[in-house]
Amino acid sequence: MHVESSAILDIEYDRVRRRLHVTFVSGDLYAYEEVPARAHRAFLVAESKGRFFQAEIRDRYPFTKLS
């Protein structure tokens, strides 16, 4: 889902795998593992996606850089 943010372009979530895909405006794509659905929902409605990412996603969940 495309989001309004100066840092983040797109957020996708796989409920079955609990995997969050975050595409940054730079084009870098990361997959974050074991992310609860509530964190994904909160991310989508956060006033600042970048601040939410820094505080609630980055460094809290294992991740892999995909591109």
N, C-alpha and C. Protein backbone atom coordinates (compact mmCIF):
# COMPACT_ATOMS: atom_id res chain seq x y z
N MET A 1 0.84 -1.17 0.00
CA MET A 1 0.00 0.00 0.00
C MET A 1 0.89 1.23 0.00
N HIS A 2 0.65 2.08 -0.97
CA HIS A 2 1.40 3.34 -1.04
C HIS A 2 0.99 4.22 0.14
N VAL A 3 1.97 4.86 0.78
CA VAL A 3 1.69 5.73 1.93
C VAL A 3 2.28 7.12 1.70
N GLU A 4 1.68 8.08 2.37
CA GLU A 4 2.19 9.45 2.33
C GLU A 4 3.30 9.59 3.36
N SER A 5 4.52 9.74 2.88
CA SER A 5 5.67 9.85 3.78
C SER A 5 6.86 10.37 3.00
N SER A 6 7.71 11.12 3.66
CA SER A 6 8.93 11.60 2.99
C SER A 6 10.02 10.54 3.01
N ALA A 7 9.85 9.49 3.82
CA ALA A 7 10.87 8.45 3.94
C ALA A 7 10.43 7.09 3.40
N ILE A 8 9.14 6.80 3.51
CA ILE A 8 8.63 5.47 3.18
C ILE A 8 7.64 5.57 2.03
N LEU A 9 7.84 4.72 1.04
CA LEU A 9 7.01 4.74 -0.16
C LEU A 9 5.84 3.76 -0.05
N ASP A 10 6.11 2.55 0.47
CA ASP A 10 5.12 1.50 0.42
C ASP A 10 5.25 0.58 1.64
N ILE A 11 4.10 0.10 2.13
CA ILE A 11 4.06 -0.85 3.24
C ILE A 11 3.15 -2.00 2.83
N GLU A 12 3.65 -3.22 2.93
CA GLU A 12 2.85 -4.42 2.65
C GLU A 12 2.99 -5.37 3.83
N TYR A 13 1.92 -6.12 4.10
CA TYR A 13 1.96 -7.03 5.25
C TYR A 13 1.37 -8.37 4.87
N ASP A 14 2.08 -9.44 5.23
CA ASP A 14 1.62 -10.81 5.03
C ASP A 14 1.20 -11.33 6.40
N ARG A 15 -0.12 -11.42 6.63
CA ARG A 15 -0.64 -11.84 7.94
C ARG A 15 -0.26 -13.28 8.29
N VAL A 16 -0.24 -14.14 7.31
CA VAL A 16 0.08 -15.55 7.56
C VAL A 16 1.52 -15.69 8.06
N ARG A 17 2.43 -15.03 7.39
CA ARG A 17 3.86 -15.13 7.75
C ARG A 17 4.30 -14.09 8.77
N ARG A 18 3.38 -13.14 9.07
CA ARG A 18 3.72 -12.02 9.98
C ARG A 18 4.95 -11.28 9.49
N ARG A 19 4.98 -11.05 8.18
CA ARG A 19 6.12 -10.40 7.53
C ARG A 19 5.69 -9.03 7.00
N LEU A 20 6.45 -8.02 7.36
CA LEU A 20 6.18 -6.65 6.93
C LEU A 20 7.22 -6.26 5.89
N HIS A 21 6.77 -5.84 4.72
CA HIS A 21 7.67 -5.33 3.69
C HIS A 21 7.58 -3.81 3.68
N VAL A 22 8.72 -3.17 3.77
CA VAL A 22 8.78 -1.71 3.75
C VAL A 22 9.69 -1.28 2.60
N THR A 23 9.13 -0.47 1.71
CA THR A 23 9.91 0.10 0.62
C THR A 23 10.14 1.57 0.94
N PHE A 24 11.40 1.96 0.95
CA PHE A 24 11.77 3.34 1.24
C PHE A 24 11.82 4.15 -0.05
N VAL A 25 11.78 5.47 0.07
CA VAL A 25 11.81 6.32 -1.12
C VAL A 25 13.11 6.13 -1.91
N SER A 26 14.14 5.65 -1.26
CA SER A 26 15.41 5.37 -1.93
C SER A 26 15.31 4.18 -2.88
N GLY A 27 14.22 3.39 -2.71
CA GLY A 27 14.05 2.17 -3.49
C GLY A 27 14.44 0.92 -2.75
N ASP A 28 15.08 1.07 -1.58
CA ASP A 28 15.46 -0.10 -0.78
C ASP A 28 14.21 -0.77 -0.22
N LEU A 29 14.21 -2.10 -0.29
CA LEU A 29 13.09 -2.90 0.19
C LEU A 29 13.60 -3.83 1.29
N TYR A 30 12.91 -3.83 2.43
CA TYR A 30 13.27 -4.67 3.56
C TYR A 30 12.07 -5.51 3.98
N ALA A 31 12.34 -6.72 4.46
CA ALA A 31 11.32 -7.58 5.02
C ALA A 31 11.61 -7.73 6.51
N TYR A 32 10.62 -7.42 7.33
CA TYR A 32 10.72 -7.54 8.79
C TYR A 32 9.88 -8.72 9.23
N GLU A 33 10.46 -9.60 10.03
CA GLU A 33 9.82 -10.85 10.43
C GLU A 33 9.17 -10.74 11.81
N GLU A 34 8.15 -11.58 12.02
CA GLU A 34 7.47 -11.70 13.33
C GLU A 34 6.81 -10.40 13.78
N VAL A 35 6.35 -9.60 12.83
CA VAL A 35 5.69 -8.34 13.16
C VAL A 35 4.21 -8.62 13.42
N PRO A 36 3.71 -8.26 14.60
CA PRO A 36 2.29 -8.49 14.88
C PRO A 36 1.38 -7.62 14.02
N ALA A 37 0.19 -8.12 13.74
CA ALA A 37 -0.77 -7.39 12.92
C ALA A 37 -1.09 -6.03 13.53
N ARG A 38 -1.13 -5.93 14.85
CA ARG A 38 -1.44 -4.65 15.49
C ARG A 38 -0.38 -3.60 15.18
N ALA A 39 0.89 -4.02 15.07
CA ALA A 39 1.96 -3.08 14.72
C ALA A 39 1.78 -2.59 13.29
N HIS A 40 1.39 -3.48 12.39
CA HIS A 40 1.14 -3.10 11.00
C HIS A 40 0.00 -2.09 10.94
N ARG A 41 -1.10 -2.35 11.63
CA ARG A 41 -2.24 -1.43 11.62
C ARG A 41 -1.85 -0.06 12.17
N ALA A 42 -1.10 -0.06 13.26
CA ALA A 42 -0.66 1.20 13.87
C ALA A 42 0.27 1.96 12.93
N PHE A 43 1.11 1.25 12.20
CA PHE A 43 2.03 1.84 11.23
C PHE A 43 1.22 2.56 10.15
N LEU A 44 0.18 1.93 9.66
CA LEU A 44 -0.62 2.51 8.58
C LEU A 44 -1.32 3.80 9.00
N VAL A 45 -1.72 3.90 10.25
CA VAL A 45 -2.45 5.09 10.69
C VAL A 45 -1.57 6.12 11.40
N ALA A 46 -0.30 5.83 11.56
CA ALA A 46 0.60 6.76 12.24
C ALA A 46 0.70 8.07 11.47
N GLU A 47 0.68 9.16 12.21
CA GLU A 47 0.79 10.48 11.59
C GLU A 47 2.10 10.62 10.83
N SER A 48 3.19 10.14 11.45
CA SER A 48 4.49 10.15 10.80
C SER A 48 4.97 8.71 10.64
N LYS A 49 4.96 8.22 9.41
CA LYS A 49 5.40 6.85 9.15
C LYS A 49 6.87 6.68 9.50
N GLY A 50 7.69 7.68 9.18
CA GLY A 50 9.12 7.60 9.48
C GLY A 50 9.40 7.51 10.96
N ARG A 51 8.74 8.34 11.75
CA ARG A 51 8.93 8.30 13.20
C ARG A 51 8.43 6.99 13.80
N PHE A 52 7.27 6.52 13.30
CA PHE A 52 6.76 5.24 13.80
C PHE A 52 7.74 4.12 13.47
N PHE A 53 8.24 4.11 12.25
CA PHE A 53 9.20 3.08 11.84
C PHE A 53 10.41 3.09 12.77
N GLN A 54 10.97 4.26 13.01
CA GLN A 54 12.16 4.38 13.86
C GLN A 54 11.89 3.88 15.28
N ALA A 55 10.73 4.22 15.82
CA ALA A 55 10.43 3.89 17.21
C ALA A 55 9.89 2.48 17.42
N GLU A 56 9.14 1.96 16.44
CA GLU A 56 8.40 0.72 16.67
C GLU A 56 8.79 -0.48 15.80
N ILE A 57 9.50 -0.25 14.72
CA ILE A 57 9.83 -1.36 13.80
C ILE A 57 11.34 -1.58 13.72
N ARG A 58 12.07 -0.55 13.35
CA ARG A 58 13.52 -0.68 13.18
C ARG A 58 14.16 -1.17 14.48
N ASP A 59 15.06 -2.10 14.34
CA ASP A 59 15.82 -2.67 15.45
C ASP A 59 14.96 -3.45 16.46
N ARG A 60 13.69 -3.68 16.16
CA ARG A 60 12.83 -4.48 17.06
C ARG A 60 12.53 -5.85 16.48
N TYR A 61 12.63 -5.96 15.16
CA TYR A 61 12.29 -7.21 14.49
C TYR A 61 13.43 -7.63 13.57
N PRO A 62 13.66 -8.93 13.43
CA PRO A 62 14.68 -9.39 12.49
C PRO A 62 14.29 -8.97 11.08
N PHE A 63 15.30 -8.61 10.29
CA PHE A 63 15.00 -8.14 8.94
C PHE A 63 16.00 -8.64 7.93
N THR A 64 15.58 -8.55 6.68
CA THR A 64 16.43 -8.88 5.54
C THR A 64 16.27 -7.79 4.51
N LYS A 65 17.37 -7.32 3.96
CA LYS A 65 17.30 -6.37 2.85
C LYS A 65 17.07 -7.18 1.57
N LEU A 66 15.99 -6.84 0.86
CA LEU A 66 15.64 -7.61 -0.35
C LEU A 66 16.17 -6.94 -1.62
N SER A 67 16.29 -5.63 -1.62
CA SER A 67 16.86 -4.94 -2.80
C SER A 67 17.34 -3.57 -2.42
